[in-house]
Amino acid sequence: MRDKNYTWIKVADHLDELDFAGNNIAVVEVKGKKLCIGKFNSKAFSFVYQCPHAGGILADGYIDALGNVVCPVHRYKYSLQNGRNVSGEGYYLTTWPVEIRDTGVYIGMDEKTGLFDWLK
């Protein structure tokens, strides 16, 4: 993930301290904005808090057996790997890289577009 210029923002000291609420999705705040962190196959992924379709809270959804986050409102599915909608509706989920380091859990934000341009 180091091929882009990211600003790495620490969101926790350890992945274990995040509340994954039984569905492998935790909510973190970065500069006052909520993001989700999902766990699948011993990896962590970060994605937007709300579904781009109807605004469902993705932290209330779940991660399916194939590694897709499933929105609780209409069951739209998005790949944790790249944010692509895999259930056929054509939406795209904004995602960010996550790094687990000795010093903590970090989310990489793209410097070129600004940290929160995706919220506009």
Protein backbone atom coordinates (compact mmCIF):
# COMPACT_ATOMS: atom_id res chain seq x y z
CA MET A 1 0.00 0.00 0.00
CA ARG A 2 3.00 2.29 0.17
CA ASP A 3 2.88 3.07 -3.58
CA LYS A 4 0.65 6.13 -3.00
CA ASN A 5 1.25 9.18 -0.85
CA TYR A 6 -1.00 8.59 2.13
CA THR A 7 -1.37 10.47 5.34
CA TRP A 8 -1.49 7.68 7.92
CA ILE A 9 -3.84 8.40 10.80
CA LYS A 10 -3.68 6.32 13.95
CA VAL A 11 -7.13 5.12 15.05
CA ALA A 12 -6.21 2.67 17.82
CA ASP A 13 -3.25 1.27 19.72
CA HIS A 14 -4.30 -2.31 18.91
CA LEU A 15 -6.96 -3.90 16.71
CA ASP A 16 -8.20 -5.76 19.81
CA GLU A 17 -9.30 -2.52 21.47
CA LEU A 18 -11.85 -1.75 18.75
CA ASP A 19 -15.45 -2.85 19.36
CA PHE A 20 -16.30 -5.22 16.50
CA ALA A 21 -19.77 -5.87 18.00
CA GLY A 22 -19.98 -9.50 16.86
CA ASN A 23 -20.24 -8.64 13.16
CA ASN A 24 -16.53 -7.92 12.49
CA ILE A 25 -17.25 -4.22 11.86
CA ALA A 26 -16.06 -1.46 14.20
CA VAL A 27 -16.63 2.29 14.03
CA VAL A 28 -13.76 4.75 14.45
CA GLU A 29 -13.62 8.52 14.26
CA VAL A 30 -11.08 10.36 12.16
CA LYS A 31 -11.14 14.12 12.66
CA GLY A 32 -14.75 14.00 13.82
CA LYS A 33 -16.01 11.78 10.97
CA LYS A 34 -17.12 8.17 11.39
CA LEU A 35 -15.51 5.39 9.36
CA CYS A 36 -15.81 1.62 9.58
CA ILE A 37 -13.07 -0.95 10.01
CA GLY A 38 -13.93 -4.48 9.00
CA LYS A 39 -12.03 -7.70 9.76
CA PHE A 40 -11.93 -10.60 7.34
CA ASN A 41 -9.41 -13.48 7.10
CA SER A 42 -7.03 -11.84 9.60
CA LYS A 43 -6.93 -8.59 7.60
CA ALA A 44 -8.43 -5.18 8.33
CA PHE A 45 -10.19 -2.90 5.84
CA SER A 46 -11.59 0.61 6.17
CA PHE A 47 -14.70 1.91 4.41
CA VAL A 48 -17.36 4.61 4.68
CA TYR A 49 -19.87 4.61 7.51
CA GLN A 50 -22.97 4.90 5.30
CA CYS A 51 -24.00 2.95 2.23
CA PRO A 52 -23.81 5.06 -0.96
CA HIS A 53 -27.21 3.75 -2.08
CA ALA A 54 -29.65 4.71 0.67
CA GLY A 55 -27.46 5.79 3.58
CA GLY A 56 -27.75 2.60 5.63
CA ILE A 57 -25.29 2.40 8.51
CA LEU A 58 -22.78 -0.21 7.35
CA ALA A 59 -21.64 -0.90 10.91
CA ASP A 60 -25.13 -2.37 11.45
CA GLY A 61 -24.58 -4.78 8.55
CA TYR A 62 -22.20 -7.70 8.42
CA ILE A 63 -19.32 -9.23 6.50
CA ASP A 64 -20.35 -12.28 4.49
CA ALA A 65 -18.36 -15.49 3.91
CA LEU A 66 -16.79 -14.06 0.73
CA GLY A 67 -15.44 -10.90 2.37
CA ASN A 68 -18.13 -8.45 1.32
CA VAL A 69 -19.71 -5.89 3.60
CA VAL A 70 -23.50 -6.21 3.42
CA CYS A 71 -25.68 -3.15 3.97
CA PRO A 72 -28.48 -3.77 6.49
CA VAL A 73 -31.08 -1.77 4.53
CA HIS A 74 -31.27 -3.40 1.07
CA ARG A 75 -28.55 -6.08 1.41
CA TYR A 76 -26.30 -4.49 -1.22
CA LYS A 77 -22.85 -6.07 -1.08
CA TYR A 78 -19.47 -4.39 -1.47
CA SER A 79 -16.00 -5.93 -1.73
CA LEU A 80 -13.75 -5.05 1.19
CA GLN A 81 -10.79 -5.35 -1.19
CA ASN A 82 -11.76 -2.56 -3.60
CA GLY A 83 -15.21 -1.20 -2.67
CA ARG A 84 -16.91 -2.48 -5.81
CA ASN A 85 -20.56 -3.40 -5.58
CA VAL A 86 -20.74 -7.18 -6.13
CA SER A 87 -24.51 -7.63 -5.99
CA GLY A 88 -25.06 -5.87 -9.31
CA GLU A 89 -26.49 -2.47 -8.45
CA GLY A 90 -23.50 -0.47 -9.73
CA TYR A 91 -22.57 1.51 -6.61
CA TYR A 92 -19.07 2.00 -5.29
CA LEU A 93 -18.00 2.03 -1.66
CA THR A 94 -15.15 4.36 -0.70
CA THR A 95 -12.36 2.40 1.01
CA TRP A 96 -8.99 3.20 2.56
CA PRO A 97 -5.96 1.04 3.30
CA VAL A 98 -5.37 -0.11 6.86
CA GLU A 99 -1.97 -0.92 8.31
CA ILE A 100 -1.44 -2.79 11.54
CA ARG A 101 1.91 -1.69 12.95
CA ASP A 102 3.74 -2.25 16.22
CA THR A 103 2.69 1.29 17.16
CA GLY A 104 -1.01 0.88 16.36
CA VAL A 105 -3.75 0.68 13.74
CA TYR A 106 -3.53 3.27 10.94
CA ILE A 107 -5.85 4.31 8.11
CA GLY A 108 -4.22 5.78 4.98
CA MET A 109 -5.90 8.83 3.52
CA ASP A 110 -4.96 10.00 0.02
CA GLU A 111 -3.15 13.34 0.24
CA LYS A 112 -3.99 14.36 -3.32
CA THR A 113 -7.75 14.57 -2.86
CA GLY A 114 -7.76 15.84 0.70
CA LEU A 115 -8.73 13.88 3.75
CA PHE A 116 -12.45 14.41 3.56
CA ASP A 117 -13.33 15.26 -0.03
CA TRP A 118 -15.37 12.03 -0.11
CA LEU A 119 -17.82 13.61 2.36
CA LYS A 120 -18.82 16.45 0.05
